[in-house]
Amino acid sequence: SVRPERYSHDIISETGEFVINLVNKKLTKTNDYCG
């Protein structure tokens, strides 16, 4: 679920695809930054 005003919303709507990347402990800060 993505808010329509988010930059990625339009990208996913137009391309019809995405990749879910699971997050481990080492990626927590990166995960936060990307949010």
PDB file of all heavy atoms in Angstrom:
ATOM      1  N   SER A   1       0.849  -1.188   0.000  1.00  0.00           N
ATOM      2  CA  SER A   1       0.000   0.000   0.000  1.00  0.00           C
ATOM      3  C   SER A   1       0.884   1.236   0.000  1.00  0.00           C
ATOM      4  O   SER A   1       1.801   1.355   0.813  1.00  0.00           O
ATOM      5  CB  SER A   1      -0.922  -0.006   1.225  1.00  0.00           C
ATOM      6  OG  SER A   1      -1.859  -1.065   1.111  1.00  0.00           O
ATOM      7  N   VAL A   2       0.609   2.148  -0.945  1.00  0.00           N
ATOM      8  CA  VAL A   2       1.447   3.323  -1.170  1.00  0.00           C
ATOM      9  C   VAL A   2       0.559   4.554  -1.271  1.00  0.00           C
ATOM     10  O   VAL A   2      -0.478   4.528  -1.941  1.00  0.00           O
ATOM     11  CB  VAL A   2       2.256   3.169  -2.490  1.00  0.00           C
ATOM     12  CG1 VAL A   2       3.195   4.359  -2.699  1.00  0.00           C
ATOM     13  CG2 VAL A   2       3.033   1.856  -2.518  1.00  0.00           C
ATOM     14  N   ARG A   3       0.972   5.634  -0.631  1.00  0.00           N
ATOM     15  CA  ARG A   3       0.245   6.903  -0.755  1.00  0.00           C
ATOM     16  C   ARG A   3       0.402   7.440  -2.185  1.00  0.00           C
ATOM     17  O   ARG A   3       1.506   7.435  -2.725  1.00  0.00           O
ATOM     18  CB  ARG A   3       0.783   7.943   0.224  1.00  0.00           C
ATOM     19  CG  ARG A   3       0.416   7.678   1.665  1.00  0.00           C
ATOM     20  CD  ARG A   3       0.951   8.811   2.567  1.00  0.00           C
ATOM     21  NE  ARG A   3       0.593   8.582   3.936  1.00  0.00           N
ATOM     22  CZ  ARG A   3      -0.546   8.973   4.502  1.00  0.00           C
ATOM     23  NH1 ARG A   3      -1.446   9.617   3.772  1.00  0.00           N
ATOM     24  NH2 ARG A   3      -0.796   8.721   5.761  1.00  0.00           N
ATOM     25  N   PRO A   4      -0.679   7.920  -2.807  1.00  0.00           N
ATOM     26  CA  PRO A   4      -0.597   8.421  -4.183  1.00  0.00           C
ATOM     27  C   PRO A   4       0.408   9.557  -4.379  1.00  0.00           C
ATOM     28  O   PRO A   4       0.948   9.722  -5.460  1.00  0.00           O
ATOM     29  CB  PRO A   4      -2.023   8.898  -4.485  1.00  0.00           C
ATOM     30  CG  PRO A   4      -2.878   8.060  -3.587  1.00  0.00           C
ATOM     31  CD  PRO A   4      -2.061   7.874  -2.325  1.00  0.00           C
ATOM     32  N   GLU A   5       0.680  10.334  -3.340  1.00  0.00           N
ATOM     33  CA  GLU A   5       1.612  11.453  -3.485  1.00  0.00           C
ATOM     34  C   GLU A   5       3.082  11.041  -3.424  1.00  0.00           C
ATOM     35  O   GLU A   5       3.968  11.856  -3.683  1.00  0.00           O
ATOM     36  CB  GLU A   5       1.330  12.558  -2.449  1.00  0.00           C
ATOM     37  CG  GLU A   5       1.445  12.121  -1.011  1.00  0.00           C
ATOM     38  CD  GLU A   5       0.142  11.618  -0.397  1.00  0.00           C
ATOM     39  OE1 GLU A   5      -0.815  11.287  -1.138  1.00  0.00           O
ATOM     40  OE2 GLU A   5       0.091  11.531   0.836  1.00  0.00           O
ATOM     41  N   ARG A   6       3.346   9.792  -3.121  1.00  0.00           N
ATOM     42  CA  ARG A   6       4.734   9.324  -3.062  1.00  0.00           C
ATOM     43  C   ARG A   6       5.297   9.184  -4.474  1.00  0.00           C
ATOM     44  O   ARG A   6       4.598   8.760  -5.400  1.00  0.00           O
ATOM     45  CB  ARG A   6       4.834   7.983  -2.318  1.00  0.00           C
ATOM     46  CG  ARG A   6       4.437   8.029  -0.855  1.00  0.00           C
ATOM     47  CD  ARG A   6       5.367   8.852   0.034  1.00  0.00           C
ATOM     48  NE  ARG A   6       6.718   8.351   0.083  1.00  0.00           N
ATOM     49  CZ  ARG A   6       7.195   7.542   1.026  1.00  0.00           C
ATOM     50  NH1 ARG A   6       6.429   7.144   2.009  1.00  0.00           N
ATOM     51  NH2 ARG A   6       8.445   7.145   0.967  1.00  0.00           N
ATOM     52  N   TYR A   7       6.564   9.509  -4.641  1.00  0.00           N
ATOM     53  CA  TYR A   7       7.249   9.470  -5.937  1.00  0.00           C
ATOM     54  C   TYR A   7       7.141   8.085  -6.586  1.00  0.00           C
ATOM     55  O   TYR A   7       6.911   7.961  -7.788  1.00  0.00           O
ATOM     56  CB  TYR A   7       8.714   9.872  -5.720  1.00  0.00           C
ATOM     57  CG  TYR A   7       9.586   9.835  -6.937  1.00  0.00           C
ATOM     58  CD1 TYR A   7       9.393  10.727  -7.991  1.00  0.00           C
ATOM     59  CD2 TYR A   7      10.638   8.932  -7.018  1.00  0.00           C
ATOM     60  CE1 TYR A   7      10.213  10.705  -9.106  1.00  0.00           C
ATOM     61  CE2 TYR A   7      11.466   8.899  -8.128  1.00  0.00           C
ATOM     62  CZ  TYR A   7      11.247   9.786  -9.166  1.00  0.00           C
ATOM     63  OH  TYR A   7      12.064   9.758 -10.261  1.00  0.00           O
ATOM     64  N   SER A   8       7.288   7.030  -5.802  1.00  0.00           N
ATOM     65  CA  SER A   8       7.254   5.659  -6.340  1.00  0.00           C
ATOM     66  C   SER A   8       5.871   5.248  -6.822  1.00  0.00           C
ATOM     67  O   SER A   8       5.756   4.343  -7.651  1.00  0.00           O
ATOM     68  CB  SER A   8       7.733   4.665  -5.275  1.00  0.00           C
ATOM     69  OG  SER A   8       9.082   4.876  -4.994  1.00  0.00           O
ATOM     70  N   HIS A   9       4.833   5.867  -6.299  1.00  0.00           N
ATOM     71  CA  HIS A   9       3.469   5.500  -6.681  1.00  0.00           C
ATOM     72  C   HIS A   9       3.281   5.589  -8.187  1.00  0.00           C
ATOM     73  O   HIS A   9       2.775   4.659  -8.823  1.00  0.00           O
ATOM     74  CB  HIS A   9       2.464   6.382  -5.944  1.00  0.00           C
ATOM     75  CG  HIS A   9       1.037   6.022  -6.224  1.00  0.00           C
ATOM     76  ND1 HIS A   9       0.389   6.398  -7.390  1.00  0.00           N
ATOM     77  CD2 HIS A   9       0.145   5.310  -5.504  1.00  0.00           C
ATOM     78  CE1 HIS A   9      -0.850   5.942  -7.363  1.00  0.00           C
ATOM     79  NE2 HIS A   9      -1.027   5.269  -6.232  1.00  0.00           N
ATOM     80  N   ASP A  10       3.685   6.711  -8.774  1.00  0.00           N
ATOM     81  CA  ASP A  10       3.520   6.890 -10.218  1.00  0.00           C
ATOM     82  C   ASP A  10       4.386   5.914 -11.002  1.00  0.00           C
ATOM     83  O   ASP A  10       3.968   5.413 -12.048  1.00  0.00           O
ATOM     84  CB  ASP A  10       3.853   8.325 -10.629  1.00  0.00           C
ATOM     85  CG  ASP A  10       2.769   9.312 -10.198  1.00  0.00           C
ATOM     86  OD1 ASP A  10       1.657   8.879  -9.862  1.00  0.00           O
ATOM     87  OD2 ASP A  10       3.048  10.526 -10.193  1.00  0.00           O
ATOM     88  N   ILE A  11       5.597   5.647 -10.506  1.00  0.00           N
ATOM     89  CA  ILE A  11       6.495   4.722 -11.202  1.00  0.00           C
ATOM     90  C   ILE A  11       5.863   3.331 -11.254  1.00  0.00           C
ATOM     91  O   ILE A  11       5.800   2.696 -12.311  1.00  0.00           O
ATOM     92  CB  ILE A  11       7.882   4.664 -10.521  1.00  0.00           C
ATOM     93  CG1 ILE A  11       8.556   6.029 -10.575  1.00  0.00           C
ATOM     94  CG2 ILE A  11       8.756   3.598 -11.172  1.00  0.00           C
ATOM     95  CD1 ILE A  11       9.833   6.127  -9.744  1.00  0.00           C
ATOM     96  N   ILE A  12       5.380   2.854 -10.117  1.00  0.00           N
ATOM     97  CA  ILE A  12       4.774   1.519 -10.055  1.00  0.00           C
ATOM     98  C   ILE A  12       3.485   1.484 -10.881  1.00  0.00           C
ATOM     99  O   ILE A  12       3.216   0.512 -11.595  1.00  0.00           O
ATOM    100  CB  ILE A  12       4.531   1.092  -8.598  1.00  0.00           C
ATOM    101  CG1 ILE A  12       5.877   0.945  -7.869  1.00  0.00           C
ATOM    102  CG2 ILE A  12       3.731  -0.203  -8.529  1.00  0.00           C
ATOM    103  CD1 ILE A  12       5.770   0.797  -6.365  1.00  0.00           C
ATOM    104  N   SER A  13       2.695   2.559 -10.823  1.00  0.00           N
ATOM    105  CA  SER A  13       1.455   2.631 -11.619  1.00  0.00           C
ATOM    106  C   SER A  13       1.758   2.538 -13.111  1.00  0.00           C
ATOM    107  O   SER A  13       1.048   1.856 -13.851  1.00  0.00           O
ATOM    108  CB  SER A  13       0.710   3.934 -11.329  1.00  0.00           C
ATOM    109  OG  SER A  13       0.252   3.956 -10.001  1.00  0.00           O
ATOM    110  N   GLU A  14       2.798   3.242 -13.573  1.00  0.00           N
ATOM    111  CA  GLU A  14       3.137   3.272 -14.994  1.00  0.00           C
ATOM    112  C   GLU A  14       3.790   1.976 -15.480  1.00  0.00           C
ATOM    113  O   GLU A  14       3.479   1.491 -16.562  1.00  0.00           O
ATOM    114  CB  GLU A  14       4.067   4.451 -15.287  1.00  0.00           C
ATOM    115  CG  GLU A  14       3.394   5.797 -15.151  1.00  0.00           C
ATOM    116  CD  GLU A  14       4.374   6.958 -15.212  1.00  0.00           C
ATOM    117  OE1 GLU A  14       5.479   6.790 -15.786  1.00  0.00           O
ATOM    118  OE2 GLU A  14       4.044   8.028 -14.678  1.00  0.00           O
ATOM    119  N   THR A  15       4.687   1.411 -14.678  1.00  0.00           N
ATOM    120  CA  THR A  15       5.442   0.239 -15.133  1.00  0.00           C
ATOM    121  C   THR A  15       4.735  -1.073 -14.820  1.00  0.00           C
ATOM    122  O   THR A  15       4.985  -2.084 -15.476  1.00  0.00           O
ATOM    123  CB  THR A  15       6.837   0.195 -14.493  1.00  0.00           C
ATOM    124  OG1 THR A  15       6.703   0.046 -13.068  1.00  0.00           O
ATOM    125  CG2 THR A  15       7.635   1.448 -14.831  1.00  0.00           C
ATOM    126  N   GLY A  16       3.910  -1.084 -13.778  1.00  0.00           N
ATOM    127  CA  GLY A  16       3.197  -2.299 -13.394  1.00  0.00           C
ATOM    128  C   GLY A  16       4.091  -3.358 -12.774  1.00  0.00           C
ATOM    129  O   GLY A  16       3.747  -4.539 -12.792  1.00  0.00           O
ATOM    130  N   GLU A  17       5.219  -2.937 -12.203  1.00  0.00           N
ATOM    131  CA  GLU A  17       6.106  -3.915 -11.577  1.00  0.00           C
ATOM    132  C   GLU A  17       6.938  -3.276 -10.473  1.00  0.00           C
ATOM    133  O   GLU A  17       7.119  -2.061 -10.432  1.00  0.00           O
ATOM    134  CB  GLU A  17       7.019  -4.575 -12.617  1.00  0.00           C
ATOM    135  CG  GLU A  17       7.899  -3.609 -13.365  1.00  0.00           C
ATOM    136  CD  GLU A  17       8.708  -4.285 -14.461  1.00  0.00           C
ATOM    137  OE1 GLU A  17       8.229  -5.253 -15.077  1.00  0.00           O
ATOM    138  OE2 GLU A  17       9.844  -3.830 -14.689  1.00  0.00           O
ATOM    139  N   PHE A  18       7.423  -4.125  -9.576  1.00  0.00           N
ATOM    140  CA  PHE A  18       8.290  -3.690  -8.483  1.00  0.00           C
ATOM    141  C   PHE A  18       8.959  -4.919  -7.894  1.00  0.00           C
ATOM    142  O   PHE A  18       8.596  -6.053  -8.195  1.00  0.00           O
ATOM    143  CB  PHE A  18       7.499  -2.922  -7.415  1.00  0.00           C
ATOM    144  CG  PHE A  18       6.337  -3.677  -6.817  1.00  0.00           C
ATOM    145  CD1 PHE A  18       6.509  -4.495  -5.698  1.00  0.00           C
ATOM    146  CD2 PHE A  18       5.059  -3.564  -7.359  1.00  0.00           C
ATOM    147  CE1 PHE A  18       5.430  -5.183  -5.145  1.00  0.00           C
ATOM    148  CE2 PHE A  18       3.985  -4.245  -6.808  1.00  0.00           C
ATOM    149  CZ  PHE A  18       4.172  -5.056  -5.691  1.00  0.00           C
ATOM    150  N   VAL A  19       9.958  -4.670  -7.043  1.00  0.00           N
ATOM    151  CA  VAL A  19      10.636  -5.746  -6.329  1.00  0.00           C
ATOM    152  C   VAL A  19      10.553  -5.444  -4.836  1.00  0.00           C
ATOM    153  O   VAL A  19      10.892  -4.344  -4.401  1.00  0.00           O
ATOM    154  CB  VAL A  19      12.124  -5.878  -6.752  1.00  0.00           C
ATOM    155  CG1 VAL A  19      12.819  -6.988  -5.953  1.00  0.00           C
ATOM    156  CG2 VAL A  19      12.243  -6.137  -8.247  1.00  0.00           C
ATOM    157  N   ILE A  20      10.058  -6.410  -4.063  1.00  0.00           N
ATOM    158  CA  ILE A  20      10.077  -6.303  -2.606  1.00  0.00           C
ATOM    159  C   ILE A  20      11.414  -6.874  -2.142  1.00  0.00           C
ATOM    160  O   ILE A  20      11.736  -8.021  -2.432  1.00  0.00           O
ATOM    161  CB  ILE A  20       8.924  -7.077  -1.956  1.00  0.00           C
ATOM    162  CG1 ILE A  20       7.575  -6.485  -2.377  1.00  0.00           C
ATOM    163  CG2 ILE A  20       9.063  -7.080  -0.431  1.00  0.00           C
ATOM    164  CD1 ILE A  20       6.373  -7.270  -1.888  1.00  0.00           C
ATOM    165  N   ASN A  21      12.192  -6.061  -1.435  1.00  0.00           N
ATOM    166  CA  ASN A  21      13.502  -6.453  -0.931  1.00  0.00           C
ATOM    167  C   ASN A  21      13.406  -6.545   0.590  1.00  0.00           C
ATOM    168  O   ASN A  21      13.138  -5.534   1.258  1.00  0.00           O
ATOM    169  CB  ASN A  21      14.544  -5.414  -1.329  1.00  0.00           C
ATOM    170  CG  ASN A  21      14.601  -5.211  -2.832  1.00  0.00           C
ATOM    171  OD1 ASN A  21      15.258  -5.950  -3.539  1.00  0.00           O
ATOM    172  ND2 ASN A  21      13.878  -4.207  -3.333  1.00  0.00           N
ATOM    173  N   LEU A  22      13.585  -7.755   1.143  1.00  0.00           N
ATOM    174  CA  LEU A  22      13.493  -7.917   2.585  1.00  0.00           C
ATOM    175  C   LEU A  22      14.650  -7.198   3.264  1.00  0.00           C
ATOM    176  O   LEU A  22      15.738  -7.062   2.696  1.00  0.00           O
ATOM    177  CB  LEU A  22      13.479  -9.394   2.968  1.00  0.00           C
ATOM    178  CG  LEU A  22      12.313 -10.232   2.412  1.00  0.00           C
ATOM    179  CD1 LEU A  22      12.295 -11.617   3.054  1.00  0.00           C
ATOM    180  CD2 LEU A  22      10.980  -9.536   2.589  1.00  0.00           C
ATOM    181  N   VAL A  23      14.395  -6.742   4.488  1.00  0.00           N
ATOM    182  CA  VAL A  23      15.364  -5.920   5.217  1.00  0.00           C
ATOM    183  C   VAL A  23      15.895  -6.685   6.423  1.00  0.00           C
ATOM    184  O   VAL A  23      15.120  -7.189   7.235  1.00  0.00           O
ATOM    185  CB  VAL A  23      14.706  -4.596   5.675  1.00  0.00           C
ATOM    186  CG1 VAL A  23      15.655  -3.773   6.518  1.00  0.00           C
ATOM    187  CG2 VAL A  23      14.240  -3.795   4.462  1.00  0.00           C
ATOM    188  N   ASN A  24      17.220  -6.748   6.514  1.00  0.00           N
ATOM    189  CA  ASN A  24      17.851  -7.361   7.684  1.00  0.00           C
ATOM    190  C   ASN A  24      18.412  -6.274   8.598  1.00  0.00           C
ATOM    191  O   ASN A  24      18.317  -5.077   8.291  1.00  0.00           O
ATOM    192  CB  ASN A  24      18.933  -8.366   7.258  1.00  0.00           C
ATOM    193  CG  ASN A  24      20.028  -7.738   6.420  1.00  0.00           C
ATOM    194  OD1 ASN A  24      20.189  -6.519   6.368  1.00  0.00           O
ATOM    195  ND2 ASN A  24      20.787  -8.575   5.739  1.00  0.00           N
ATOM    196  N   LYS A  25      18.981  -6.694   9.698  1.00  0.00           N
ATOM    197  CA  LYS A  25      19.492  -5.749  10.695  1.00  0.00           C
ATOM    198  C   LYS A  25      20.509  -4.783  10.083  1.00  0.00           C
ATOM    199  O   LYS A  25      20.494  -3.586  10.365  1.00  0.00           O
ATOM    200  CB  LYS A  25      20.119  -6.528  11.856  1.00  0.00           C
ATOM    201  CG  LYS A  25      20.598  -5.665  12.983  1.00  0.00           C
ATOM    202  CD  LYS A  25      21.152  -6.512  14.111  1.00  0.00           C
ATOM    203  CE  LYS A  25      21.707  -5.626  15.224  1.00  0.00           C
ATOM    204  NZ  LYS A  25      22.281  -6.430  16.305  1.00  0.00           N
ATOM    205  N   LYS A  26      21.392  -5.289   9.217  1.00  0.00           N
ATOM    206  CA  LYS A  26      22.412  -4.438   8.608  1.00  0.00           C
ATOM    207  C   LYS A  26      21.812  -3.344   7.723  1.00  0.00           C
ATOM    208  O   LYS A  26      22.417  -2.297   7.531  1.00  0.00           O
ATOM    209  CB  LYS A  26      23.377  -5.293   7.772  1.00  0.00           C
ATOM    210  CG  LYS A  26      24.363  -6.066   8.596  1.00  0.00           C
ATOM    211  CD  LYS A  26      25.197  -7.038   7.782  1.00  0.00           C
ATOM    212  CE  LYS A  26      25.908  -6.400   6.634  1.00  0.00           C
ATOM    213  NZ  LYS A  26      26.792  -7.327   5.910  1.00  0.00           N
ATOM    214  N   LEU A  27      20.628  -3.573   7.183  1.00  0.00           N
ATOM    215  CA  LEU A  27      19.993  -2.613   6.277  1.00  0.00           C
ATOM    216  C   LEU A  27      18.990  -1.687   6.971  1.00  0.00           C
ATOM    217  O   LEU A  27      18.326  -0.891   6.302  1.00  0.00           O
ATOM    218  CB  LEU A  27      19.280  -3.361   5.147  1.00  0.00           C
ATOM    219  CG  LEU A  27      20.174  -4.044   4.110  1.00  0.00           C
ATOM    220  CD1 LEU A  27      19.335  -4.934   3.189  1.00  0.00           C
ATOM    221  CD2 LEU A  27      20.954  -3.013   3.306  1.00  0.00           C
ATOM    222  N   THR A  28      18.888  -1.751   8.282  1.00  0.00           N
ATOM    223  CA  THR A  28      17.865  -0.977   8.992  1.00  0.00           C
ATOM    224  C   THR A  28      18.001   0.527   8.760  1.00  0.00           C
ATOM    225  O   THR A  28      17.021   1.216   8.477  1.00  0.00           O
ATOM    226  CB  THR A  28      17.876  -1.291  10.503  1.00  0.00           C
ATOM    227  OG1 THR A  28      17.713  -2.696  10.675  1.00  0.00           O
ATOM    228  CG2 THR A  28      16.760  -0.571  11.229  1.00  0.00           C
ATOM    229  N   LYS A  29      19.208   1.068   8.885  1.00  0.00           N
ATOM    230  CA  LYS A  29      19.392   2.513   8.682  1.00  0.00           C
ATOM    231  C   LYS A  29      19.081   2.891   7.228  1.00  0.00           C
ATOM    232  O   LYS A  29      18.456   3.912   6.970  1.00  0.00           O
ATOM    233  CB  LYS A  29      20.820   2.922   9.049  1.00  0.00           C
ATOM    234  CG  LYS A  29      21.031   4.412   9.029  1.00  0.00           C
ATOM    235  CD  LYS A  29      22.397   4.792   9.576  1.00  0.00           C
ATOM    236  CE  LYS A  29      22.551   6.307   9.618  1.00  0.00           C
ATOM    237  NZ  LYS A  29      23.845   6.696  10.167  1.00  0.00           N
ATOM    238  N   THR A  30      19.502   2.056   6.284  1.00  0.00           N
ATOM    239  CA  THR A  30      19.198   2.282   4.873  1.00  0.00           C
ATOM    240  C   THR A  30      17.692   2.262   4.642  1.00  0.00           C
ATOM    241  O   THR A  30      17.139   3.114   3.939  1.00  0.00           O
ATOM    242  CB  THR A  30      19.881   1.195   4.014  1.00  0.00           C
ATOM    243  OG1 THR A  30      21.290   1.282   4.223  1.00  0.00           O
ATOM    244  CG2 THR A  30      19.552   1.347   2.554  1.00  0.00           C
ATOM    245  N   ASN A  31      17.023   1.301   5.244  1.00  0.00           N
ATOM    246  CA  ASN A  31      15.564   1.184   5.155  1.00  0.00           C
ATOM    247  C   ASN A  31      14.895   2.461   5.656  1.00  0.00           C
ATOM    248  O   ASN A  31      13.979   2.987   5.016  1.00  0.00           O
ATOM    249  CB  ASN A  31      15.126  -0.031   5.986  1.00  0.00           C
ATOM    250  CG  ASN A  31      13.649  -0.260   5.979  1.00  0.00           C
ATOM    251  OD1 ASN A  31      13.065  -0.592   4.966  1.00  0.00           O
ATOM    252  ND2 ASN A  31      13.032  -0.106   7.137  1.00  0.00           N
ATOM    253  N   ASP A  32      15.352   2.961   6.775  1.00  0.00           N
ATOM    254  CA  ASP A  32      14.783   4.182   7.332  1.00  0.00           C
ATOM    255  C   ASP A  32      15.018   5.369   6.390  1.00  0.00           C
ATOM    256  O   ASP A  32      14.093   6.132   6.107  1.00  0.00           O
ATOM    257  CB  ASP A  32      15.383   4.463   8.715  1.00  0.00           C
ATOM    258  CG  ASP A  32      14.707   5.635   9.392  1.00  0.00           C
ATOM    259  OD1 ASP A  32      13.519   5.518   9.748  1.00  0.00           O
ATOM    260  OD2 ASP A  32      15.363   6.690   9.538  1.00  0.00           O
ATOM    261  N   TYR A  33      16.247   5.517   5.899  1.00  0.00           N
ATOM    262  CA  TYR A  33      16.586   6.615   4.990  1.00  0.00           C
ATOM    263  C   TYR A  33      15.678   6.591   3.756  1.00  0.00           C
ATOM    264  O   TYR A  33      15.174   7.631   3.321  1.00  0.00           O
ATOM    265  CB  TYR A  33      18.057   6.503   4.563  1.00  0.00           C
ATOM    266  CG  TYR A  33      18.495   7.570   3.587  1.00  0.00           C
ATOM    267  CD1 TYR A  33      18.954   8.798   4.040  1.00  0.00           C
ATOM    268  CD2 TYR A  33      18.455   7.349   2.214  1.00  0.00           C
ATOM    269  CE1 TYR A  33      19.357   9.783   3.146  1.00  0.00           C
ATOM    270  CE2 TYR A  33      18.847   8.321   1.314  1.00  0.00           C
ATOM    271  CZ  TYR A  33      19.305   9.540   1.785  1.00  0.00           C
ATOM    272  OH  TYR A  33      19.696  10.503   0.896  1.00  0.00           O
ATOM    273  N   CYS A  34      15.471   5.411   3.198  1.00  0.00           N
ATOM    274  CA  CYS A  34      14.650   5.287   1.992  1.00  0.00           C
ATOM    275  C   CYS A  34      13.186   5.597   2.261  1.00  0.00           C
ATOM    276  O   CYS A  34      12.423   5.829   1.320  1.00  0.00           O
ATOM    277  CB  CYS A  34      14.815   3.896   1.383  1.00  0.00           C
ATOM    278  SG  CYS A  34      16.464   3.638   0.676  1.00  0.00           S
ATOM    279  N   GLY A  35      12.795   5.634   3.526  1.00  0.00           N
ATOM    280  CA  GLY A  35      11.427   5.977   3.889  1.00  0.00           C
ATOM    281  C   GLY A  35      11.224   7.445   4.205  1.00  0.00           C
ATOM    282  O   GLY A  35      10.093   7.922   4.237  1.00  0.00           O
TER     283      GLY A  35
END
